[in-house]
Amino acid sequence: MSEYIVDRLGQLGDGIIDTPNGEIFAPFTLPGEHIEGNVENGRVNSPKIIKPVSDRVKPACKHFKSCGGCSLQHASDTVISDWKIRKTQDALSQVNLHPEFRPIINSKAGSRRRATFAAKRTKKGALVGFHGRASDVIIEISECPISDPILLSGMPAFSQFAILGSSRKAVLRISATVSGNSLDVKIDNGKKLSATEISKFAQICNQFKILRLMWNDDVIAQSNPPSQKMGLADVIPPSGAFLQATKSGEAALIKTVLEIIGPSKRVVDLFAGCGTFALPISSKATVHALEGDVNMIAALDSGWRAAGGLHDIKSETRDLFRRPLMPDEFKKIDAIVIDPPRAGAVSQVVEIAKANVGRIAFVSCNPATFARDASILCNNGYNLDWVQIIDQFLWNPHIELVAQFTK
C-alpha cells in the first residue's frame, strides 16, 4: 500500500491526489487527509484514512457508502458549501467572469420531496431502495435522511407493487413526489395488469395515501388530484413532471427571481414548466410563459384559470431549442426569466443577447453550461451582477443557482 495526501475535491465529490503521472481519485476523502491504499486504474477504491481533517463528520445515514444517492455525507456543511461556490466560480472564471457570490442557501435534511426508487420481485417478496454507487444493484434502504418522511412512507406500497406487478427479471422505476400529506407516484417497466390487479392496486393506493398512480403510461388509480401550490394557484402537474427538489429551495428560488425582476410589468418565462415562476410572478405582472411539454403548459394554464385574480398569463407550447423566441418577440418586455435544462439554452440565449431587455433572472442547474451562456450575454452588453447558489441537494455534487443580469 502507498500513502497519499488528498489535494482537492473533484467534480463529483471524490478526493483527488495530484501526482506527476496524473490524478488519482479517492472516494470518501477530503482535502488535506492522509490516506493509504492501492491504486487501480487511477483510483483508490478503499482508502484507509490515516490522518483525518477536522471537517470530517460522521455520515448521517448507515447506507452512505453503499447507496449511490449521496457522495459527501463525510464532509462538514462548510466544506460542501465552499466547494459548490468554488466549482461555480471556477466555471465562470474560465470565461473571464468574476461576479459577486451571495452566501449559499441550503435546504435541510428531510426536505427532499421527490425521489426515484428501484424495486424488484424476489423469491421471498420484494427489494425496494436505490441503485448502489456506480452499480445496477439495488440497495435496500431502511432510512434516507435527505428525504421527506412522506416519501419513505410509500415504501411498503412500492414493495407490494413489485410483488404484484413485475417479473423476477424486471426492475420497476418508481418516481414518487410528495403532494400535501400524500404521494403522487409514477411507475415504469411494469407488466400489463388485469382488471383484478388494477383493483388491488387501487386498494393499496388508498391504504398508503397515494393520490394518483400511473402505471407505465396509464393512470390506473386516482382518489384526489395531486396538486402543488404555485403562487396563489393549485396546479396538477402531469405524472412524473419536473418539480424543484425541495419546497424551501423552490421558495428561495422564487424569492430571488422576484427580486431580480423587481417592478417589471411584462415578463417572459422561458422553459416555464408547470408554472414554478410564472404563477407567482402573475400576482404582480403579466407573463408570457413558454414550455416545450404540452401537458406541463396545460397544467400551468389550468392552474392560472382556476385561481382567478391574477394578471394575464399567455401560455404557449414551444420548443425553444428548435424555435427560440426571437429579438422582435421581446419588444415591450421588461424582464426575462429563463430556467433551461442541464444542457443550457445556447440558441435561445443568442437571441436574448440581441434583444434589449433590461433584466434577466437566469436559473441554472449546471455551472458549466451556465458559464457558457453567461459569456454570450456578457459579450453582448449585459452585466452579470451576482450569483446566488440555492443548494437543494444535500450531500450531493448537484448545484442550483440564480443569477442577475442587467443591461
Protein backbone atom coordinates (compact mmCIF):
# COMPACT_ATOMS: atom_id res chain seq x y z
CA MET A 1 0.00 0.00 0.00
CA SER A 2 1.07 3.57 -0.66
CA GLU A 3 0.36 6.70 1.38
CA TYR A 4 -1.05 9.88 -0.13
CA ILE A 5 -2.27 13.32 0.85
CA VAL A 6 -5.55 14.40 -0.75
CA ASP A 7 -5.22 17.72 -2.59
CA ARG A 8 -8.79 18.69 -3.53
CA LEU A 9 -12.31 17.56 -4.30
CA GLY A 10 -13.26 16.63 -7.85
CA GLN A 11 -16.40 17.48 -9.77
CA LEU A 12 -18.34 14.55 -8.30
CA GLY A 13 -17.05 14.88 -4.74
CA ASP A 14 -14.21 12.34 -4.83
CA GLY A 15 -10.92 13.32 -3.29
CA ILE A 16 -8.19 13.93 -5.86
CA ILE A 17 -4.46 13.40 -5.42
CA ASP A 18 -2.32 15.27 -7.95
CA THR A 19 0.78 13.30 -8.97
CA PRO A 20 3.42 13.76 -11.70
CA ASN A 21 1.69 10.92 -13.56
CA GLY A 22 -1.79 12.39 -13.32
CA GLU A 23 -4.77 12.46 -10.98
CA ILE A 24 -5.64 9.69 -8.54
CA PHE A 25 -9.23 9.57 -7.31
CA ALA A 26 -10.07 8.54 -3.75
CA PRO A 27 -13.78 8.37 -2.78
CA PHE A 28 -14.95 9.40 0.69
CA THR A 29 -11.83 11.51 1.38
CA LEU A 30 -11.30 15.21 2.00
CA PRO A 31 -8.56 17.70 1.10
CA GLY A 32 -5.61 17.54 3.50
CA GLU A 33 -6.31 13.99 4.67
CA HIS A 34 -3.52 11.40 4.76
CA ILE A 35 -4.75 8.15 3.26
CA GLU A 36 -3.40 4.73 2.43
CA GLY A 37 -4.45 2.31 -0.28
CA ASN A 38 -3.73 0.53 -3.52
CA VAL A 39 -4.22 2.32 -6.83
CA GLU A 40 -6.08 0.52 -9.59
CA ASN A 41 -6.83 2.29 -12.85
CA GLY A 42 -6.15 5.68 -11.30
CA ARG A 43 -8.38 5.10 -8.30
CA VAL A 44 -8.02 4.15 -4.64
CA ASN A 45 -11.26 2.24 -4.22
CA SER A 46 -11.00 1.51 -0.48
CA PRO A 47 -8.88 4.27 1.05
CA LYS A 48 -7.86 3.96 4.68
CA ILE A 49 -7.92 7.30 6.47
CA ILE A 50 -4.65 7.61 8.40
CA LYS A 51 -4.98 11.24 9.39
CA PRO A 52 -8.45 12.80 9.08
CA VAL A 53 -9.10 16.54 8.88
CA SER A 54 -11.30 18.40 11.35
CA ASP A 55 -14.02 18.86 8.71
CA ARG A 56 -14.66 15.11 8.53
CA VAL A 57 -18.02 14.26 10.14
CA LYS A 58 -19.92 11.06 10.86
CA PRO A 59 -22.24 10.20 7.94
CA ALA A 60 -25.91 10.75 8.74
CA CYS A 61 -27.05 7.55 7.00
CA LYS A 62 -25.99 3.97 7.58
CA HIS A 63 -26.37 3.26 3.85
CA PHE A 64 -24.00 6.05 2.84
CA LYS A 65 -21.11 4.05 1.40
CA SER A 66 -23.28 1.55 -0.49
CA CYS A 67 -26.18 3.72 -1.71
CA GLY A 68 -25.45 5.82 -4.78
CA GLY A 69 -27.56 8.80 -3.72
CA CYS A 70 -25.10 10.80 -1.60
CA SER A 71 -21.37 11.28 -2.05
CA LEU A 72 -20.45 13.84 0.62
CA GLN A 73 -22.01 12.84 3.94
CA HIS A 74 -18.50 12.60 5.40
CA ALA A 75 -17.87 16.33 4.85
CA SER A 76 -18.97 19.26 7.01
CA ASP A 77 -21.59 21.68 5.71
CA THR A 78 -18.91 24.36 5.42
CA VAL A 79 -16.70 22.18 3.21
CA ILE A 80 -19.61 21.32 0.90
CA SER A 81 -20.88 24.91 0.64
CA ASP A 82 -17.42 26.32 -0.06
CA TRP A 83 -16.77 23.61 -2.63
CA LYS A 84 -20.03 24.30 -4.52
CA ILE A 85 -19.33 28.02 -4.61
CA ARG A 86 -15.77 27.38 -5.77
CA LYS A 87 -16.93 24.99 -8.51
CA THR A 88 -19.25 27.66 -9.88
CA GLN A 89 -16.61 30.38 -9.57
CA ASP A 90 -14.12 28.19 -11.42
CA ALA A 91 -16.57 27.60 -14.27
CA LEU A 92 -17.19 31.34 -14.62
CA SER A 93 -13.51 32.23 -14.38
CA GLN A 94 -12.92 30.04 -17.45
CA VAL A 95 -14.89 32.65 -19.43
CA ASN A 96 -13.34 35.56 -17.52
CA LEU A 97 -16.39 36.33 -15.39
CA HIS A 98 -15.92 37.12 -11.70
CA PRO A 99 -19.28 38.17 -10.23
CA GLU A 100 -20.24 38.67 -6.61
CA PHE A 101 -21.42 35.49 -4.88
CA ARG A 102 -24.09 35.76 -2.24
CA PRO A 103 -23.98 33.40 0.77
CA ILE A 104 -25.27 29.97 -0.15
CA ILE A 105 -28.82 28.97 0.88
CA ASN A 106 -29.12 25.32 1.95
CA SER A 107 -32.12 23.02 2.18
CA LYS A 108 -32.34 20.97 5.36
CA ALA A 109 -32.24 17.23 5.88
CA GLY A 110 -35.60 15.50 5.47
CA SER A 111 -36.88 18.03 2.94
CA ARG A 112 -36.42 16.26 -0.41
CA ARG A 113 -39.93 15.94 -1.85
CA ARG A 114 -39.27 13.74 -4.87
CA ALA A 115 -37.17 10.65 -5.42
CA THR A 116 -36.83 7.75 -7.83
CA PHE A 117 -36.79 4.31 -6.23
CA ALA A 118 -35.91 0.95 -7.76
CA ALA A 119 -37.88 -2.18 -6.89
CA LYS A 120 -37.90 -5.80 -7.97
CA ARG A 121 -39.66 -9.01 -7.02
CA THR A 122 -37.60 -11.63 -5.19
CA LYS A 123 -38.15 -15.21 -4.05
CA LYS A 124 -39.14 -14.01 -0.59
CA GLY A 125 -41.00 -10.85 -1.52
CA ALA A 126 -39.54 -7.64 -2.91
CA LEU A 127 -36.48 -5.43 -2.76
CA VAL A 128 -37.01 -1.64 -2.65
CA GLY A 129 -34.35 1.03 -2.45
CA PHE A 130 -31.86 2.97 -4.56
CA HIS A 131 -29.23 1.80 -7.00
CA GLY A 132 -25.79 1.30 -5.49
CA ARG A 133 -22.85 3.51 -6.24
CA ALA A 134 -21.91 3.07 -9.93
CA SER A 135 -23.95 -0.12 -9.99
CA ASP A 136 -27.23 -1.64 -11.13
CA VAL A 137 -27.53 -3.44 -7.79
CA ILE A 138 -30.48 -2.28 -5.68
CA ILE A 139 -29.50 -1.27 -2.15
CA GLU A 140 -32.43 -1.90 0.16
CA ILE A 141 -32.85 1.07 2.48
CA SER A 142 -34.44 1.44 5.87
CA GLU A 143 -33.76 5.16 6.18
CA CYS A 144 -32.93 8.18 4.00
CA PRO A 145 -32.05 11.36 5.90
CA ILE A 146 -32.44 13.63 2.87
CA SER A 147 -35.99 12.52 2.05
CA ASP A 148 -39.28 13.83 3.35
CA PRO A 149 -40.70 11.08 5.62
CA ILE A 150 -43.83 11.04 3.45
CA LEU A 151 -41.71 9.67 0.58
CA LEU A 152 -40.47 6.83 2.74
CA SER A 153 -43.99 6.06 3.95
CA GLY A 154 -44.75 4.79 0.46
CA MET A 155 -42.10 2.05 0.51
CA PRO A 156 -44.43 -0.72 1.78
CA ALA A 157 -46.74 0.09 -1.14
CA PHE A 158 -43.82 0.04 -3.58
CA SER A 159 -42.92 -3.40 -2.28
CA GLN A 160 -46.45 -4.67 -2.94
CA PHE A 161 -46.43 -3.13 -6.42
CA ALA A 162 -43.22 -5.02 -7.20
CA ILE A 163 -44.63 -8.33 -5.94
CA LEU A 164 -47.88 -7.99 -7.87
CA GLY A 165 -46.77 -6.09 -10.95
CA SER A 166 -43.32 -7.15 -12.07
CA SER A 167 -41.46 -10.19 -13.30
CA ARG A 168 -38.43 -11.57 -11.47
CA LYS A 169 -36.10 -10.04 -14.06
CA ALA A 170 -37.70 -6.61 -14.33
CA VAL A 171 -36.75 -3.62 -12.19
CA LEU A 172 -39.50 -1.10 -11.54
CA ARG A 173 -38.61 2.57 -11.75
CA ILE A 174 -40.77 4.33 -9.15
CA SER A 175 -40.92 8.13 -9.27
CA ALA A 176 -42.60 9.48 -6.16
CA THR A 177 -43.49 13.08 -5.33
CA VAL A 178 -44.94 14.48 -2.13
CA SER A 179 -48.32 16.16 -2.59
CA GLY A 180 -49.57 17.61 0.68
CA ASN A 181 -49.51 14.72 3.14
CA SER A 182 -49.79 12.13 0.37
CA LEU A 183 -47.93 10.85 -2.68
CA ASP A 184 -48.12 11.10 -6.45
CA VAL A 185 -46.47 8.01 -7.97
CA LYS A 186 -45.39 7.07 -11.49
CA ILE A 187 -44.09 3.54 -12.17
CA ASP A 188 -42.34 2.41 -15.33
CA ASN A 189 -41.29 -1.03 -16.55
CA GLY A 190 -44.23 -2.87 -15.00
CA LYS A 191 -46.11 -5.77 -16.57
CA LYS A 192 -49.54 -5.44 -18.16
CA LEU A 193 -52.16 -5.60 -15.40
CA SER A 194 -55.50 -7.37 -15.36
CA ALA A 195 -58.68 -5.67 -14.15
CA THR A 196 -58.41 -7.61 -10.89
CA GLU A 197 -54.83 -6.47 -10.37
CA ILE A 198 -55.74 -2.84 -11.10
CA SER A 199 -58.47 -3.06 -8.45
CA LYS A 200 -55.92 -4.44 -5.97
CA PHE A 201 -53.50 -1.62 -6.79
CA ALA A 202 -56.25 0.93 -6.12
CA GLN A 203 -56.78 -0.59 -2.67
CA ILE A 204 -53.04 -0.33 -1.95
CA CYS A 205 -53.10 3.32 -3.01
CA ASN A 206 -55.95 4.06 -0.61
CA GLN A 207 -54.14 2.28 2.20
CA PHE A 208 -50.87 4.20 1.74
CA LYS A 209 -52.22 7.65 0.77
CA ILE A 210 -51.20 7.55 -2.87
CA LEU A 211 -53.41 10.09 -4.61
CA ARG A 212 -52.52 9.09 -8.16
CA LEU A 213 -50.76 6.06 -9.61
CA MET A 214 -49.56 6.00 -13.19
CA TRP A 215 -48.54 2.51 -14.30
CA ASN A 216 -46.38 2.64 -17.41
CA ASP A 217 -48.35 5.18 -19.48
CA ASP A 218 -51.78 4.89 -17.88
CA VAL A 219 -53.28 6.36 -14.73
CA ILE A 220 -54.81 3.31 -13.05
CA ALA A 221 -55.79 4.85 -9.72
CA GLN A 222 -56.65 8.35 -8.55
CA SER A 223 -58.57 9.32 -5.43
CA ASN A 224 -57.91 13.09 -5.44
CA PRO A 225 -55.93 15.44 -7.67
CA PRO A 226 -52.25 15.52 -6.58
CA SER A 227 -51.96 19.30 -6.62
CA GLN A 228 -48.96 21.52 -5.96
CA LYS A 229 -49.18 25.10 -4.72
CA MET A 230 -47.54 27.58 -7.11
CA GLY A 231 -48.06 31.14 -6.03
CA LEU A 232 -51.80 31.55 -5.47
CA ALA A 233 -52.66 28.70 -7.84
CA ASP A 234 -53.19 25.00 -7.27
CA VAL A 235 -51.56 23.11 -10.12
CA ILE A 236 -51.98 19.44 -11.00
CA PRO A 237 -48.70 18.53 -12.75
CA PRO A 238 -48.55 15.68 -15.25
CA SER A 239 -47.48 12.44 -13.60
CA GLY A 240 -43.72 12.42 -13.18
CA ALA A 241 -43.33 16.07 -14.20
CA PHE A 242 -40.30 18.03 -13.06
CA LEU A 243 -40.61 19.96 -9.80
CA GLN A 244 -37.93 21.62 -7.71
CA ALA A 245 -36.40 19.13 -5.28
CA THR A 246 -37.42 20.84 -2.03
CA LYS A 247 -40.19 23.26 -1.09
CA SER A 248 -37.78 25.53 0.79
CA GLY A 249 -35.41 25.55 -2.18
CA GLU A 250 -38.27 26.37 -4.52
CA ALA A 251 -39.37 29.21 -2.23
CA ALA A 252 -35.82 30.62 -2.19
CA LEU A 253 -35.63 30.42 -5.99
CA ILE A 254 -38.96 32.22 -6.38
CA LYS A 255 -38.00 34.92 -3.89
CA THR A 256 -34.71 35.54 -5.69
CA VAL A 257 -36.34 35.63 -9.14
CA LEU A 258 -38.97 38.10 -7.90
CA GLU A 259 -36.18 40.28 -6.50
CA ILE A 260 -34.41 40.31 -9.87
CA ILE A 261 -37.45 41.22 -11.97
CA GLY A 262 -38.36 43.95 -9.47
CA PRO A 263 -41.26 46.18 -10.58
CA SER A 264 -41.35 44.77 -14.12
CA LYS A 265 -44.88 44.66 -15.50
CA ARG A 266 -44.35 42.43 -18.56
CA VAL A 267 -42.29 39.27 -18.11
CA VAL A 268 -41.32 36.35 -20.35
CA ASP A 269 -40.81 32.99 -18.61
CA LEU A 270 -38.76 30.61 -20.77
CA PHE A 271 -38.82 26.85 -20.03
CA ALA A 272 -41.73 27.62 -17.72
CA GLY A 273 -42.61 24.04 -16.76
CA CYS A 274 -45.85 23.86 -14.78
CA GLY A 275 -45.55 27.47 -13.59
CA THR A 276 -42.98 27.47 -10.78
CA PHE A 277 -42.10 31.10 -11.59
CA ALA A 278 -44.85 32.23 -13.97
CA LEU A 279 -47.67 31.77 -11.46
CA PRO A 280 -46.04 33.66 -8.54
CA ILE A 281 -44.98 36.41 -10.97
CA SER A 282 -48.56 36.72 -12.23
CA SER A 283 -49.53 38.17 -8.87
CA LYS A 284 -47.70 41.36 -9.90
CA ALA A 285 -47.14 41.25 -13.68
CA THR A 286 -48.42 39.87 -16.95
CA VAL A 287 -46.48 36.80 -18.13
CA HIS A 288 -45.78 35.08 -21.42
CA ALA A 289 -44.93 31.52 -20.38
CA LEU A 290 -43.27 29.17 -22.87
CA GLU A 291 -42.62 25.45 -22.40
CA GLY A 292 -41.92 22.57 -24.79
CA ASP A 293 -44.05 20.00 -22.95
CA VAL A 294 -47.71 20.39 -23.93
CA ASN A 295 -49.00 18.67 -20.77
CA MET A 296 -46.94 20.86 -18.44
CA ILE A 297 -48.04 24.09 -20.10
CA ALA A 298 -51.67 22.84 -19.97
CA ALA A 299 -51.29 22.27 -16.22
CA LEU A 300 -49.94 25.80 -15.82
CA ASP A 301 -52.82 27.28 -17.80
CA SER A 302 -55.46 25.31 -15.90
CA GLY A 303 -53.99 26.36 -12.55
CA TRP A 304 -53.96 30.01 -13.58
CA ARG A 305 -57.56 29.94 -14.84
CA ALA A 306 -58.83 28.24 -11.69
CA ALA A 307 -57.03 30.63 -9.34
CA GLY A 308 -58.60 33.85 -10.52
CA GLY A 309 -57.46 37.34 -9.55
CA LEU A 310 -54.06 37.03 -11.23
CA HIS A 311 -52.58 39.07 -14.05
CA ASP A 312 -52.81 37.58 -17.52
CA ILE A 313 -50.63 34.61 -18.44
CA LYS A 314 -50.25 33.76 -22.11
CA SER A 315 -49.29 30.08 -22.16
CA GLU A 316 -47.51 28.78 -25.26
CA THR A 317 -46.19 25.33 -26.15
CA ARG A 318 -42.91 25.88 -27.98
CA ASP A 319 -39.65 24.00 -28.48
CA LEU A 320 -37.20 26.72 -27.52
CA PHE A 321 -34.23 24.68 -28.72
CA ARG A 322 -35.52 24.44 -32.28
CA ARG A 323 -37.58 27.63 -32.33
CA PRO A 324 -36.23 30.11 -29.80
CA LEU A 325 -38.02 33.35 -29.08
CA MET A 326 -36.62 35.95 -31.47
CA PRO A 327 -35.46 39.50 -30.63
CA ASP A 328 -38.57 41.18 -32.04
CA GLU A 329 -40.73 39.00 -29.80
CA PHE A 330 -39.09 40.58 -26.75
CA LYS A 331 -40.36 44.05 -27.66
CA LYS A 332 -42.22 45.68 -24.77
CA ILE A 333 -40.86 43.03 -22.36
CA ASP A 334 -39.37 44.36 -19.11
CA ALA A 335 -37.75 41.18 -17.75
CA ILE A 336 -36.88 37.62 -18.73
CA VAL A 337 -36.90 34.53 -16.53
CA ILE A 338 -35.07 31.55 -18.03
CA ASP A 339 -34.69 28.13 -16.39
CA PRO A 340 -33.29 25.72 -19.01
CA PRO A 341 -32.38 22.06 -18.50
CA ARG A 342 -28.80 20.97 -17.76
CA ALA A 343 -27.73 21.40 -21.39
CA GLY A 344 -28.40 25.12 -21.11
CA ALA A 345 -30.06 27.12 -23.85
CA VAL A 346 -27.39 28.46 -26.16
CA SER A 347 -29.69 29.01 -29.17
CA GLN A 348 -32.20 30.92 -27.05
CA VAL A 349 -29.51 32.90 -25.22
CA VAL A 350 -28.02 34.03 -28.55
CA GLU A 351 -31.39 35.60 -29.43
CA ILE A 352 -31.83 37.13 -25.96
CA ALA A 353 -28.42 38.76 -26.36
CA LYS A 354 -29.68 40.54 -29.48
CA ALA A 355 -32.73 41.92 -27.67
CA ASN A 356 -32.83 44.91 -25.39
CA VAL A 357 -34.49 43.56 -22.25
CA GLY A 358 -33.12 45.25 -19.14
CA ARG A 359 -33.31 42.44 -16.59
CA ILE A 360 -32.74 38.69 -16.73
CA ALA A 361 -33.24 36.17 -13.94
CA PHE A 362 -31.21 33.15 -15.04
CA VAL A 363 -31.83 29.87 -13.19
CA SER A 364 -29.40 27.03 -13.87
CA CYS A 365 -28.57 23.55 -12.61
CA ASN A 366 -25.24 23.27 -14.44
CA PRO A 367 -22.37 25.71 -13.76
CA ALA A 368 -20.55 24.73 -16.97
CA THR A 369 -23.41 25.46 -19.38
CA PHE A 370 -24.41 28.49 -17.30
CA ALA A 371 -20.90 29.91 -17.72
CA ARG A 372 -21.11 29.37 -21.48
CA ASP A 373 -24.50 31.09 -21.71
CA ALA A 374 -23.45 33.89 -19.33
CA SER A 375 -20.44 34.60 -21.53
CA ILE A 376 -22.72 35.09 -24.55
CA LEU A 377 -24.85 37.59 -22.65
CA CYS A 378 -21.88 39.49 -21.20
CA ASN A 379 -20.17 39.68 -24.58
CA ASN A 380 -23.30 41.44 -25.85
CA GLY A 381 -23.64 44.21 -23.31
CA TYR A 382 -25.08 42.50 -20.22
CA ASN A 383 -23.56 42.64 -16.74
CA LEU A 384 -23.56 39.57 -14.52
CA ASP A 385 -24.27 41.35 -11.23
CA TRP A 386 -24.35 38.45 -8.78
CA VAL A 387 -24.89 34.73 -8.35
CA GLN A 388 -26.94 33.02 -5.65
CA ILE A 389 -26.45 29.28 -5.11
CA ILE A 390 -29.51 27.56 -3.65
CA ASP A 391 -28.49 24.08 -2.58
CA GLN A 392 -31.42 21.70 -2.71
CA PHE A 393 -29.18 18.64 -2.98
CA LEU A 394 -27.75 17.90 0.44
CA TRP A 395 -24.53 15.82 0.39
CA ASN A 396 -24.67 15.68 -3.41
CA PRO A 397 -22.49 17.43 -6.03
CA HIS A 398 -25.53 18.87 -7.84
CA ILE A 399 -25.76 22.69 -7.90
CA GLU A 400 -28.72 25.02 -8.45
CA LEU A 401 -28.19 28.76 -8.92
CA VAL A 402 -29.91 32.01 -9.78
CA ALA A 403 -28.07 34.93 -11.37
CA GLN A 404 -28.97 38.52 -12.11
CA PHE A 405 -28.09 40.07 -15.48
CA THR A 406 -28.79 43.72 -16.26
CA LYS A 407 -28.27 45.92 -19.29
